[in-house]
Amino acid sequence: MMFSSIVAALLAAQSPAPEADAKPVQLTQESKAAIRCSAAFAMVAYGQSNGNEAAQKWPDLGTRGREFFVVALARLMDDTGLDREGVSRLVSTEAQRLWDAGEVDQVMPACLLMLEASGV
């Protein structure tokens, strides 16, 4: 799956995280938003790098989107105890949901605000 590859490549840039127990994780609204925006940024950045016309209408996310992705998901690992694989599953699932529902363009304005607020 394309989204799994994108997520795996971005997570590979992070330092190793300890394995987490296989317990259910309660996510805050902020964590859910970070996952949603990380997935959306990865999808748009991928589209931009491949010349996708729909992705070109958004600001370039190659650098800032990747940095947001890495910082937000590292924080998620710290907050939840999830390892890279666990976080990767969450982001991949959300990316697939956004794709299936056709919601990427719908969430991007709020995600861009979140990106600006992050200081990245």
Protein backbone atom coordinates (compact mmCIF):
# COMPACT_ATOMS: atom_id res chain seq x y z
CA MET A 1 0.00 0.00 0.00
CA MET A 2 1.31 3.44 -0.92
CA PHE A 3 0.41 5.02 2.44
CA SER A 4 2.23 2.35 4.41
CA SER A 5 5.34 2.99 2.34
CA ILE A 6 5.15 6.73 2.94
CA VAL A 7 4.62 6.29 6.65
CA ALA A 8 7.37 3.66 6.93
CA ALA A 9 9.87 5.88 5.11
CA LEU A 10 9.13 8.88 7.32
CA LEU A 11 9.25 6.86 10.53
CA ALA A 12 12.55 5.30 9.50
CA ALA A 13 14.15 8.73 9.88
CA GLN A 14 13.42 8.69 13.61
CA SER A 15 15.56 7.17 16.32
CA PRO A 16 14.51 3.76 17.65
CA ALA A 17 11.73 3.64 20.22
CA PRO A 18 11.27 0.96 22.83
CA GLU A 19 8.74 -1.79 22.19
CA ALA A 20 5.36 -1.08 23.79
CA ASP A 21 3.00 -3.50 25.43
CA ALA A 22 0.08 -4.60 23.26
CA LYS A 23 -2.52 -2.64 25.20
CA PRO A 24 -5.26 -0.38 23.87
CA VAL A 25 -4.21 3.25 23.66
CA GLN A 26 -6.49 6.12 24.60
CA LEU A 27 -5.81 9.01 22.25
CA THR A 28 -6.54 12.63 23.08
CA GLN A 29 -8.26 14.86 20.56
CA GLU A 30 -4.90 16.54 19.98
CA SER A 31 -3.27 13.17 19.25
CA LYS A 32 -6.08 12.24 16.85
CA ALA A 33 -5.64 15.57 15.06
CA ALA A 34 -1.87 15.06 14.85
CA ILE A 35 -2.41 11.61 13.31
CA ARG A 36 -4.99 12.96 10.85
CA CYS A 37 -2.78 15.87 9.80
CA SER A 38 0.36 13.75 9.59
CA ALA A 39 -1.49 11.38 7.27
CA ALA A 40 -2.88 14.25 5.18
CA PHE A 41 0.52 15.95 4.93
CA ALA A 42 2.19 12.69 3.86
CA MET A 43 -0.46 12.13 1.20
CA VAL A 44 -0.28 15.68 -0.15
CA ALA A 45 3.54 15.73 -0.08
CA TYR A 46 3.57 12.43 -1.97
CA GLY A 47 1.18 13.87 -4.55
CA GLN A 48 3.26 17.03 -4.87
CA SER A 49 6.42 15.04 -5.45
CA ASN A 50 4.66 13.14 -8.25
CA GLY A 51 3.17 16.21 -9.92
CA ASN A 52 -0.42 15.48 -8.84
CA GLU A 53 -2.42 18.54 -9.86
CA ALA A 54 -4.80 18.38 -6.88
CA ALA A 55 -1.87 18.28 -4.44
CA GLN A 56 -0.21 21.29 -6.09
CA LYS A 57 -2.92 23.65 -4.83
CA TRP A 58 -1.58 23.30 -1.27
CA PRO A 59 1.61 24.91 0.05
CA ASP A 60 4.72 22.80 -0.46
CA LEU A 61 4.76 20.18 2.30
CA GLY A 62 7.97 18.39 1.40
CA THR A 63 10.02 19.84 4.26
CA ARG A 64 7.59 21.36 6.78
CA GLY A 65 5.05 18.57 6.42
CA ARG A 66 7.75 15.94 6.98
CA GLU A 67 9.07 17.81 10.03
CA PHE A 68 5.55 18.10 11.47
CA PHE A 69 5.04 14.38 10.83
CA VAL A 70 8.26 13.39 12.62
CA VAL A 71 7.79 15.73 15.61
CA ALA A 72 4.09 14.96 16.09
CA LEU A 73 4.55 11.21 15.87
CA ALA A 74 7.61 11.21 18.14
CA ARG A 75 5.49 13.07 20.69
CA LEU A 76 2.72 10.50 20.19
CA MET A 77 5.20 7.68 20.88
CA ASP A 78 6.36 9.45 24.05
CA ASP A 79 2.80 10.13 25.24
CA THR A 80 1.36 6.70 24.52
CA GLY A 81 4.30 4.31 24.75
CA LEU A 82 3.58 3.05 21.24
CA ASP A 83 6.52 1.98 19.12
CA ARG A 84 7.09 2.96 15.49
CA GLU A 85 5.06 0.04 14.22
CA GLY A 86 2.09 0.98 16.40
CA VAL A 87 2.20 4.61 15.32
CA SER A 88 2.69 3.56 11.70
CA ARG A 89 -0.48 1.46 11.88
CA LEU A 90 -2.46 4.40 13.27
CA VAL A 91 -1.26 6.79 10.56
CA SER A 92 -1.71 4.24 7.76
CA THR A 93 -5.24 3.50 8.92
CA GLU A 94 -6.05 7.20 9.03
CA ALA A 95 -4.50 7.81 5.60
CA GLN A 96 -6.61 5.02 4.13
CA ARG A 97 -9.72 6.41 5.83
CA LEU A 98 -9.03 9.91 4.46
CA TRP A 99 -8.46 8.47 0.99
CA ASP A 100 -11.57 6.28 1.03
CA ALA A 101 -13.76 9.11 2.31
CA GLY A 102 -12.21 11.68 -0.04
CA GLU A 103 -11.55 13.97 2.93
CA VAL A 104 -7.97 15.11 2.35
CA ASP A 105 -9.00 18.47 0.89
CA GLN A 106 -11.57 18.88 3.65
CA VAL A 107 -9.05 18.46 6.50
CA MET A 108 -6.15 20.37 4.93
CA PRO A 109 -7.22 23.91 5.98
CA ALA A 110 -7.38 22.91 9.67
CA CYS A 111 -4.15 20.93 9.30
CA LEU A 112 -2.36 23.91 7.82
CA LEU A 113 -3.47 25.95 10.84
CA MET A 114 -2.12 23.21 13.08
CA LEU A 115 1.16 23.28 11.11
CA GLU A 116 1.47 27.04 11.61
CA ALA A 117 0.68 26.75 15.33
CA SER A 118 3.33 24.04 15.70
CA GLY A 119 6.12 26.44 14.84
CA VAL A 120 7.64 23.97 12.37
